[in-house]
Structures are given as structure tokens and as C-alpha cells.
């Protein structure tokens, strides 16, 4: 049987069965919470899309490096905090 799809249709990757690419893993720690002071610190240097993204990420990494919880991986903390570091057009 002939495949009647166009080349563009054949080159599209299937999306069925795929979830979002970035997913925060489940947190197995008891009573884990992000402190408001940490969120405020991240929000003190929000990225709007007009600044140098490398400087923003350097600052973000310094701030998130200060938070330590042996039961929660640092990458999880970063995934939870990163939306707080964005503003305006950078959110989209």
C-alpha cells in the first residue's frame, strides 16, 4: 500500500504519548517548602528577555546553590524556582 503523506508530514515527529519535556520530579521529602525569602531573592533579579541571559543564569545558579536539602535534589529546586525568575516576555 502506498504512503500518501507529503514529505512535510513524514518529517513531523509524532507527539502521541509524549508528556511535557520539562517535568518536576516528585518530592519525597517530609514538609518540604520553598521559603518566601528564597523566592524573593530569585525575584530580585528577574529576567525580562532584554538582559544578558548568561548573567541571569549565573545569578540564578548562585542563589539556588545556597539552598540545600539532603532529600531534595538541587535540580528539582531549580525547576521549582525558575518560573519566579522570569518576567514579562521571558515567561512566554
PDB file of N, CA and C in Angstrom:
ATOM      1  N   UNK A   1       0.842  -1.169   0.000  1.00  0.00           N
ATOM      2  CA  UNK A   1       0.000   0.000   0.000  1.00  0.00           C
ATOM      3  C   UNK A   1       0.887   1.231   0.000  1.00  0.00           C
ATOM      4  N   UNK A   2       0.569   2.208  -0.790  1.00  0.00           N
ATOM      5  CA  UNK A   2       1.362   3.424  -0.936  1.00  0.00           C
ATOM      6  C   UNK A   2       1.109   4.368   0.238  1.00  0.00           C
ATOM      7  N   UNK A   3       2.171   5.062   0.619  1.00  0.00           N
ATOM      8  CA  UNK A   3       2.075   6.076   1.661  1.00  0.00           C
ATOM      9  C   UNK A   3       1.757   7.407   0.985  1.00  0.00           C
ATOM     10  N   UNK A   4       0.592   7.952   1.233  1.00  0.00           N
ATOM     11  CA  UNK A   4       0.137   9.164   0.551  1.00  0.00           C
ATOM     12  C   UNK A   4       0.439  10.442   1.327  1.00  0.00           C
ATOM     13  N   UNK A   5       1.314  10.380   2.326  1.00  0.00           N
ATOM     14  CA  UNK A   5       1.649  11.583   3.079  1.00  0.00           C
ATOM     15  C   UNK A   5       2.667  12.424   2.309  1.00  0.00           C
ATOM     16  N   UNK A   6       2.630  13.735   2.556  1.00  0.00           N
ATOM     17  CA  UNK A   6       3.626  14.618   1.943  1.00  0.00           C
ATOM     18  C   UNK A   6       4.937  14.472   2.704  1.00  0.00           C
ATOM     19  N   UNK A   7       6.015  14.991   2.123  1.00  0.00           N
ATOM     20  CA  UNK A   7       7.322  14.931   2.788  1.00  0.00           C
ATOM     21  C   UNK A   7       7.273  15.685   4.114  1.00  0.00           C
ATOM     22  N   UNK A   8       6.604  16.836   4.151  1.00  0.00           N
ATOM     23  CA  UNK A   8       6.496  17.614   5.389  1.00  0.00           C
ATOM     24  C   UNK A   8       5.783  16.808   6.477  1.00  0.00           C
ATOM     25  N   UNK A   9       4.749  16.073   6.108  1.00  0.00           N
ATOM     26  CA  UNK A   9       4.028  15.256   7.080  1.00  0.00           C
ATOM     27  C   UNK A   9       4.902  14.115   7.594  1.00  0.00           C
ATOM     28  N   UNK A  10       5.700  13.545   6.732  1.00  0.00           N
ATOM     29  CA  UNK A  10       6.566  12.444   7.159  1.00  0.00           C
ATOM     30  C   UNK A  10       7.699  12.917   8.061  1.00  0.00           C
ATOM     31  N   UNK A  11       8.113  14.166   7.908  1.00  0.00           N
ATOM     32  CA  UNK A  11       9.220  14.686   8.712  1.00  0.00           C
ATOM     33  C   UNK A  11       8.776  15.175  10.086  1.00  0.00           C
ATOM     34  N   UNK A  12       7.480  15.302  10.310  1.00  0.00           N
ATOM     35  CA  UNK A  12       6.998  15.728  11.615  1.00  0.00           C
ATOM     36  C   UNK A  12       7.111  14.573  12.604  1.00  0.00           C
ATOM     37  N   UNK A  13       7.621  14.901  13.780  1.00  0.00           N
ATOM     38  CA  UNK A  13       7.749  13.872  14.807  1.00  0.00           C
ATOM     39  C   UNK A  13       6.390  13.615  15.446  1.00  0.00           C
ATOM     40  N   UNK A  14       6.097  12.368  15.776  1.00  0.00           N
ATOM     41  CA  UNK A  14       4.815  12.076  16.431  1.00  0.00           C
ATOM     42  C   UNK A  14       4.809  12.644  17.843  1.00  0.00           C
ATOM     43  N   UNK A  15       3.651  13.128  18.274  1.00  0.00           N
ATOM     44  CA  UNK A  15       3.549  13.689  19.617  1.00  0.00           C
ATOM     45  C   UNK A  15       2.656  12.848  20.528  1.00  0.00           C
ATOM     46  N   UNK A  16       2.041  11.829  19.995  1.00  0.00           N
ATOM     47  CA  UNK A  16       1.186  10.980  20.817  1.00  0.00           C
ATOM     48  C   UNK A  16       2.040  10.251  21.851  1.00  0.00           C
ATOM     49  N   UNK A  17       1.590  10.274  23.074  1.00  0.00           N
ATOM     50  CA  UNK A  17       2.273   9.542  24.134  1.00  0.00           C
ATOM     51  C   UNK A  17       3.406  10.315  24.785  1.00  0.00           C
ATOM     52  N   UNK A  18       3.715  11.504  24.291  1.00  0.00           N
ATOM     53  CA  UNK A  18       4.783  12.298  24.890  1.00  0.00           C
ATOM     54  C   UNK A  18       4.191  13.287  25.881  1.00  0.00           C
ATOM     55  N   UNK A  19       4.852  13.436  27.008  1.00  0.00           N
ATOM     56  CA  UNK A  19       4.448  14.416  28.012  1.00  0.00           C
ATOM     57  C   UNK A  19       5.281  15.668  27.805  1.00  0.00           C
ATOM     58  N   UNK A  20       5.103  16.654  28.669  1.00  0.00           N
ATOM     59  CA  UNK A  20       5.916  17.860  28.605  1.00  0.00           C
ATOM     60  C   UNK A  20       7.385  17.484  28.743  1.00  0.00           C
ATOM     61  N   UNK A  21       8.243  18.218  28.084  1.00  0.00           N
ATOM     62  CA  UNK A  21       9.666  17.910  28.085  1.00  0.00           C
ATOM     63  C   UNK A  21      10.294  18.168  29.450  1.00  0.00           C
ATOM     64  N   UNK A  22       9.833  19.188  30.162  1.00  0.00           N
ATOM     65  CA  UNK A  22      10.403  19.521  31.465  1.00  0.00           C
ATOM     66  C   UNK A  22       9.367  19.220  32.528  1.00  0.00           C
ATOM     67  N   UNK A  23       9.688  18.282  33.382  1.00  0.00           N
ATOM     68  CA  UNK A  23       8.758  17.858  34.417  1.00  0.00           C
ATOM     69  C   UNK A  23       9.489  17.865  35.754  1.00  0.00           C
ATOM     70  N   UNK A  24       8.892  18.469  36.751  1.00  0.00           N
ATOM     71  CA  UNK A  24       9.472  18.459  38.092  1.00  0.00           C
ATOM     72  C   UNK A  24       9.250  17.084  38.690  1.00  0.00           C
ATOM     73  N   UNK A  25      10.330  16.403  39.087  1.00  0.00           N
ATOM     74  CA  UNK A  25      10.160  15.072  39.673  1.00  0.00           C
ATOM     75  C   UNK A  25       9.423  15.143  41.006  1.00  0.00           C
ATOM     76  N   UNK A  26       8.808  14.054  41.397  1.00  0.00           N
ATOM     77  CA  UNK A  26       8.111  14.046  42.684  1.00  0.00           C
ATOM     78  C   UNK A  26       9.082  14.283  43.836  1.00  0.00           C
ATOM     79  N   UNK A  27       8.628  14.992  44.849  1.00  0.00           N
ATOM     80  CA  UNK A  27       9.462  15.307  46.020  1.00  0.00           C
ATOM     81  C   UNK A  27       9.047  14.381  47.146  1.00  0.00           C
ATOM     82  N   UNK A  28      10.009  13.604  47.606  1.00  0.00           N
ATOM     83  CA  UNK A  28       9.722  12.607  48.640  1.00  0.00           C
ATOM     84  C   UNK A  28      10.109  13.075  50.036  1.00  0.00           C
ATOM     85  N   UNK A  29      10.409  14.343  50.185  1.00  0.00           N
ATOM     86  CA  UNK A  29      10.807  14.879  51.490  1.00  0.00           C
ATOM     87  C   UNK A  29       9.570  15.233  52.307  1.00  0.00           C
ATOM     88  N   UNK A  30       9.703  15.088  53.604  1.00  0.00           N
ATOM     89  CA  UNK A  30       8.614  15.468  54.505  1.00  0.00           C
ATOM     90  C   UNK A  30       8.671  16.971  54.756  1.00  0.00           C
ATOM     91  N   UNK A  31       7.530  17.626  54.669  1.00  0.00           N
ATOM     92  CA  UNK A  31       7.403  19.052  54.978  1.00  0.00           C
ATOM     93  C   UNK A  31       8.343  19.940  54.161  1.00  0.00           C
ATOM     94  N   UNK A  32       8.548  19.623  52.908  1.00  0.00           N
ATOM     95  CA  UNK A  32       9.393  20.464  52.055  1.00  0.00           C
ATOM     96  C   UNK A  32       8.600  21.677  51.594  1.00  0.00           C
ATOM     97  N   UNK A  33       9.233  22.846  51.672  1.00  0.00           N
ATOM     98  CA  UNK A  33       8.625  24.060  51.149  1.00  0.00           C
ATOM     99  C   UNK A  33       9.727  25.031  50.742  1.00  0.00           C
ATOM    100  N   UNK A  34       9.420  25.832  49.745  1.00  0.00           N
ATOM    101  CA  UNK A  34      10.339  26.896  49.361  1.00  0.00           C
ATOM    102  C   UNK A  34      10.034  28.096  50.241  1.00  0.00           C
ATOM    103  N   UNK A  35      11.035  28.593  50.901  1.00  0.00           N
ATOM    104  CA  UNK A  35      10.850  29.739  51.790  1.00  0.00           C
ATOM    105  C   UNK A  35      10.610  30.999  50.962  1.00  0.00           C
ATOM    106  N   UNK A  36       9.775  31.875  51.484  1.00  0.00           N
ATOM    107  CA  UNK A  36       9.456  33.113  50.786  1.00  0.00           C
ATOM    108  C   UNK A  36      10.692  33.970  50.573  1.00  0.00           C
ATOM    109  N   UNK A  37      11.630  33.940  51.501  1.00  0.00           N
ATOM    110  CA  UNK A  37      12.852  34.744  51.343  1.00  0.00           C
ATOM    111  C   UNK A  37      13.667  34.273  50.138  1.00  0.00           C
ATOM    112  N   UNK A  38      13.693  32.970  49.892  1.00  0.00           N
ATOM    113  CA  UNK A  38      14.401  32.441  48.728  1.00  0.00           C
ATOM    114  C   UNK A  38      13.693  32.849  47.436  1.00  0.00           C
ATOM    115  N   UNK A  39      12.381  32.787  47.428  1.00  0.00           N
ATOM    116  CA  UNK A  39      11.613  33.220  46.258  1.00  0.00           C
ATOM    117  C   UNK A  39      11.835  34.709  46.007  1.00  0.00           C
ATOM    118  N   UNK A  40      11.841  35.515  47.082  1.00  0.00           N
ATOM    119  CA  UNK A  40      12.081  36.955  46.942  1.00  0.00           C
ATOM    120  C   UNK A  40      13.469  37.234  46.381  1.00  0.00           C
ATOM    121  N   UNK A  41      14.447  36.462  46.822  1.00  0.00           N
ATOM    122  CA  UNK A  41      15.810  36.643  46.326  1.00  0.00           C
ATOM    123  C   UNK A  41      15.892  36.339  44.835  1.00  0.00           C
ATOM    124  N   UNK A  42      15.228  35.282  44.415  1.00  0.00           N
ATOM    125  CA  UNK A  42      15.195  34.938  42.987  1.00  0.00           C
ATOM    126  C   UNK A  42      14.474  36.027  42.202  1.00  0.00           C
ATOM    127  N   UNK A  43      13.389  36.556  42.752  1.00  0.00           N
ATOM    128  CA  UNK A  43      12.617  37.586  42.070  1.00  0.00           C
ATOM    129  C   UNK A  43      13.321  38.943  42.047  1.00  0.00           C
ATOM    130  N   UNK A  44      14.339  39.104  42.859  1.00  0.00           N
ATOM    131  CA  UNK A  44      15.055  40.391  42.887  1.00  0.00           C
ATOM    132  C   UNK A  44      15.854  40.634  41.613  1.00  0.00           C
ATOM    133  N   UNK A  45      16.081  39.589  40.831  1.00  0.00           N
ATOM    134  CA  UNK A  45      16.831  39.718  39.579  1.00  0.00           C
ATOM    135  C   UNK A  45      16.083  38.975  38.477  1.00  0.00           C
ATOM    136  N   UNK A  46      14.868  39.399  38.197  1.00  0.00           N
ATOM    137  CA  UNK A  46      14.060  38.706  37.189  1.00  0.00           C
ATOM    138  C   UNK A  46      14.560  39.024  35.785  1.00  0.00           C
ATOM    139  N   UNK A  47      14.449  38.042  34.915  1.00  0.00           N
ATOM    140  CA  UNK A  47      14.870  38.168  33.524  1.00  0.00           C
ATOM    141  C   UNK A  47      13.664  38.550  32.684  1.00  0.00           C
ATOM    142  N   UNK A  48      13.780  39.659  31.950  1.00  0.00           N
ATOM    143  CA  UNK A  48      12.666  40.139  31.136  1.00  0.00           C
ATOM    144  C   UNK A  48      12.822  39.782  29.664  1.00  0.00           C
ATOM    145  N   UNK A  49      13.967  39.252  29.285  1.00  0.00           N
ATOM    146  CA  UNK A  49      14.222  38.941  27.893  1.00  0.00           C
ATOM    147  C   UNK A  49      15.113  39.974  27.230  1.00  0.00           C
ATOM    148  N   UNK A  50      15.426  41.043  27.940  1.00  0.00           N
ATOM    149  CA  UNK A  50      16.234  42.119  27.365  1.00  0.00           C
ATOM    150  C   UNK A  50      17.650  42.157  27.935  1.00  0.00           C
ATOM    151  N   UNK A  51      17.903  41.497  29.039  1.00  0.00           N
ATOM    152  CA  UNK A  51      19.226  41.491  29.643  1.00  0.00           C
ATOM    153  C   UNK A  51      20.060  40.339  29.077  1.00  0.00           C
ATOM    154  N   UNK A  52      21.279  40.269  29.567  1.00  0.00           N
ATOM    155  CA  UNK A  52      22.168  39.179  29.182  1.00  0.00           C
ATOM    156  C   UNK A  52      21.688  37.898  29.871  1.00  0.00           C
ATOM    157  N   UNK A  53      21.268  36.885  29.125  1.00  0.00           N
ATOM    158  CA  UNK A  53      20.762  35.662  29.751  1.00  0.00           C
ATOM    159  C   UNK A  53      21.838  34.911  30.546  1.00  0.00           C
ATOM    160  N   UNK A  54      23.087  35.048  30.143  1.00  0.00           N
ATOM    161  CA  UNK A  54      24.165  34.360  30.863  1.00  0.00           C
ATOM    162  C   UNK A  54      24.334  34.930  32.270  1.00  0.00           C
ATOM    163  N   UNK A  55      24.256  36.255  32.394  1.00  0.00           N
ATOM    164  CA  UNK A  55      24.341  36.867  33.720  1.00  0.00           C
ATOM    165  C   UNK A  55      23.166  36.447  34.588  1.00  0.00           C
ATOM    166  N   UNK A  56      21.997  36.384  33.989  1.00  0.00           N
ATOM    167  CA  UNK A  56      20.812  35.961  34.742  1.00  0.00           C
ATOM    168  C   UNK A  56      20.980  34.531  35.265  1.00  0.00           C
ATOM    169  N   UNK A  57      21.451  33.636  34.406  1.00  0.00           N
ATOM    170  CA  UNK A  57      21.636  32.243  34.827  1.00  0.00           C
ATOM    171  C   UNK A  57      22.735  32.108  35.869  1.00  0.00           C
ATOM    172  N   UNK A  58      23.798  32.911  35.754  1.00  0.00           N
ATOM    173  CA  UNK A  58      24.857  32.888  36.773  1.00  0.00           C
ATOM    174  C   UNK A  58      24.284  33.275  38.133  1.00  0.00           C
ATOM    175  N   UNK A  59      23.508  34.366  38.164  1.00  0.00           N
ATOM    176  CA  UNK A  59      22.884  34.804  39.411  1.00  0.00           C
ATOM    177  C   UNK A  59      21.932  33.726  39.937  1.00  0.00           C
ATOM    178  N   UNK A  60      21.121  33.180  39.060  1.00  0.00           N
ATOM    179  CA  UNK A  60      20.156  32.150  39.455  1.00  0.00           C
ATOM    180  C   UNK A  60      20.880  30.931  40.038  1.00  0.00           C
ATOM    181  N   UNK A  61      21.958  30.509  39.415  1.00  0.00           N
ATOM    182  CA  UNK A  61      22.723  29.366  39.934  1.00  0.00           C
ATOM    183  C   UNK A  61      23.345  29.660  41.293  1.00  0.00           C
ATOM    184  N   UNK A  62      23.836  30.875  41.495  1.00  0.00           N
ATOM    185  CA  UNK A  62      24.396  31.245  42.804  1.00  0.00           C
ATOM    186  C   UNK A  62      23.337  31.194  43.885  1.00  0.00           C
ATOM    187  N   UNK A  63      22.173  31.724  43.571  1.00  0.00           N
ATOM    188  CA  UNK A  63      21.090  31.742  44.566  1.00  0.00           C
ATOM    189  C   UNK A  63      20.632  30.325  44.887  1.00  0.00           C
ATOM    190  N   UNK A  64      20.392  29.519  43.868  1.00  0.00           N
ATOM    191  CA  UNK A  64      19.888  28.160  44.119  1.00  0.00           C
ATOM    192  C   UNK A  64      20.947  27.262  44.744  1.00  0.00           C
ATOM    193  N   UNK A  65      22.217  27.587  44.552  1.00  0.00           N
ATOM    194  CA  UNK A  65      23.277  26.805  45.167  1.00  0.00           C
ATOM    195  C   UNK A  65      23.269  26.965  46.689  1.00  0.00           C
ATOM    196  N   UNK A  66      22.745  28.084  47.183  1.00  0.00           N
ATOM    197  CA  UNK A  66      22.720  28.324  48.627  1.00  0.00           C
ATOM    198  C   UNK A  66      21.683  27.462  49.342  1.00  0.00           C
ATOM    199  N   UNK A  67      20.712  26.944  48.603  1.00  0.00           N
ATOM    200  CA  UNK A  67      19.666  26.126  49.216  1.00  0.00           C
ATOM    201  C   UNK A  67      20.087  24.665  49.202  1.00  0.00           C
ATOM    202  N   UNK A  68      20.103  24.054  50.342  1.00  0.00           N
ATOM    203  CA  UNK A  68      20.466  22.634  50.447  1.00  0.00           C
ATOM    204  C   UNK A  68      19.431  21.887  51.268  1.00  0.00           C
ATOM    205  N   UNK A  69      18.982  20.792  50.716  1.00  0.00           N
ATOM    206  CA  UNK A  69      18.111  19.869  51.430  1.00  0.00           C
ATOM    207  C   UNK A  69      18.544  18.479  50.987  1.00  0.00           C
ATOM    208  N   UNK A  70      19.024  17.650  51.904  1.00  0.00           N
ATOM    209  CA  UNK A  70      19.542  16.342  51.507  1.00  0.00           C
ATOM    210  C   UNK A  70      18.506  15.431  50.840  1.00  0.00           C
ATOM    211  N   UNK A  71      17.225  15.708  51.067  1.00  0.00           N
ATOM    212  CA  UNK A  71      16.180  14.860  50.498  1.00  0.00           C
ATOM    213  C   UNK A  71      15.654  15.366  49.157  1.00  0.00           C
ATOM    214  N   UNK A  72      16.056  16.578  48.766  1.00  0.00           N
ATOM    215  CA  UNK A  72      15.550  17.176  47.520  1.00  0.00           C
ATOM    216  C   UNK A  72      16.740  17.540  46.628  1.00  0.00           C
ATOM    217  N   UNK A  73      16.816  16.966  45.445  1.00  0.00           N
ATOM    218  CA  UNK A  73      17.918  17.300  44.540  1.00  0.00           C
ATOM    219  C   UNK A  73      17.896  18.778  44.148  1.00  0.00           C
ATOM    220  N   UNK A  74      19.080  19.355  43.956  1.00  0.00           N
ATOM    221  CA  UNK A  74      19.195  20.758  43.597  1.00  0.00           C
ATOM    222  C   UNK A  74      18.504  21.063  42.265  1.00  0.00           C
ATOM    223  N   UNK A  75      18.519  20.112  41.343  1.00  0.00           N
ATOM    224  CA  UNK A  75      17.846  20.338  40.056  1.00  0.00           C
ATOM    225  C   UNK A  75      16.338  20.505  40.242  1.00  0.00           C
ATOM    226  N   UNK A  76      15.772  19.813  41.198  1.00  0.00           N
ATOM    227  CA  UNK A  76      14.347  19.956  41.489  1.00  0.00           C
ATOM    228  C   UNK A  76      14.046  21.347  42.027  1.00  0.00           C
ATOM    229  N   UNK A  77      14.908  21.826  42.914  1.00  0.00           N
ATOM    230  CA  UNK A  77      14.741  23.169  43.467  1.00  0.00           C
ATOM    231  C   UNK A  77      14.821  24.201  42.345  1.00  0.00           C
ATOM    232  N   UNK A  78      15.762  24.009  41.432  1.00  0.00           N
ATOM    233  CA  UNK A  78      15.901  24.938  40.303  1.00  0.00           C
ATOM    234  C   UNK A  78      14.659  24.932  39.422  1.00  0.00           C
ATOM    235  N   UNK A  79      14.111  23.757  39.163  1.00  0.00           N
ATOM    236  CA  UNK A  79      12.905  23.675  38.332  1.00  0.00           C
ATOM    237  C   UNK A  79      11.713  24.355  39.001  1.00  0.00           C
ATOM    238  N   UNK A  80      11.641  24.278  40.314  1.00  0.00           N
ATOM    239  CA  UNK A  80      10.547  24.923  41.030  1.00  0.00           C
ATOM    240  C   UNK A  80      10.713  26.441  41.077  1.00  0.00           C
ATOM    241  N   UNK A  81      11.962  26.899  41.202  1.00  0.00           N
ATOM    242  CA  UNK A  81      12.215  28.325  41.350  1.00  0.00           C
ATOM    243  C   UNK A  81      12.315  29.092  40.037  1.00  0.00           C
ATOM    244  N   UNK A  82      12.677  28.424  38.963  1.00  0.00           N
ATOM    245  CA  UNK A  82      12.958  29.139  37.724  1.00  0.00           C
ATOM    246  C   UNK A  82      11.801  30.010  37.225  1.00  0.00           C
ATOM    247  N   UNK A  83      10.553  29.556  37.279  1.00  0.00           N
ATOM    248  CA  UNK A  83       9.466  30.442  36.835  1.00  0.00           C
ATOM    249  C   UNK A  83       9.405  31.762  37.604  1.00  0.00           C
ATOM    250  N   UNK A  84       9.843  31.779  38.862  1.00  0.00           N
ATOM    251  CA  UNK A  84       9.859  33.010  39.645  1.00  0.00           C
ATOM    252  C   UNK A  84      10.934  33.974  39.166  1.00  0.00           C
ATOM    253  N   UNK A  85      11.893  33.481  38.398  1.00  0.00           N
ATOM    254  CA  UNK A  85      12.997  34.327  37.944  1.00  0.00           C
ATOM    255  C   UNK A  85      12.696  35.008  36.609  1.00  0.00           C
ATOM    256  N   UNK A  86      11.522  34.773  36.048  1.00  0.00           N
ATOM    257  CA  UNK A  86      11.171  35.339  34.747  1.00  0.00           C
ATOM    258  C   UNK A  86      10.093  36.401  34.887  1.00  0.00           C
ATOM    259  N   UNK A  87      10.106  37.334  33.935  1.00  0.00           N
ATOM    260  CA  UNK A  87       9.137  38.416  33.960  1.00  0.00           C
ATOM    261  C   UNK A  87       8.803  38.819  32.521  1.00  0.00           C
ATOM    262  N   UNK A  88       7.616  39.319  32.296  1.00  0.00           N
ATOM    263  CA  UNK A  88       7.139  39.847  31.012  1.00  0.00           C
ATOM    264  C   UNK A  88       7.281  38.863  29.869  1.00  0.00           C
ATOM    265  N   UNK A  89       7.965  39.279  28.790  1.00  0.00           N
ATOM    266  CA  UNK A  89       8.062  38.446  27.586  1.00  0.00           C
ATOM    267  C   UNK A  89       8.831  37.152  27.824  1.00  0.00           C
ATOM    268  N   UNK A  90       9.699  37.146  28.804  1.00  0.00           N
ATOM    269  CA  UNK A  90      10.521  35.961  29.059  1.00  0.00           C
ATOM    270  C   UNK A  90       9.683  34.786  29.563  1.00  0.00           C
ATOM    271  N   UNK A  91       8.514  35.054  30.074  1.00  0.00           N
ATOM    272  CA  UNK A  91       7.667  33.975  30.602  1.00  0.00           C
ATOM    273  C   UNK A  91       7.109  33.124  29.471  1.00  0.00           C
ATOM    274  N   UNK A  92       6.831  33.729  28.349  1.00  0.00           N
ATOM    275  CA  UNK A  92       6.200  33.015  27.235  1.00  0.00           C
ATOM    276  C   UNK A  92       7.188  32.108  26.558  1.00  0.00           C
TER     277      UNK A  92
END
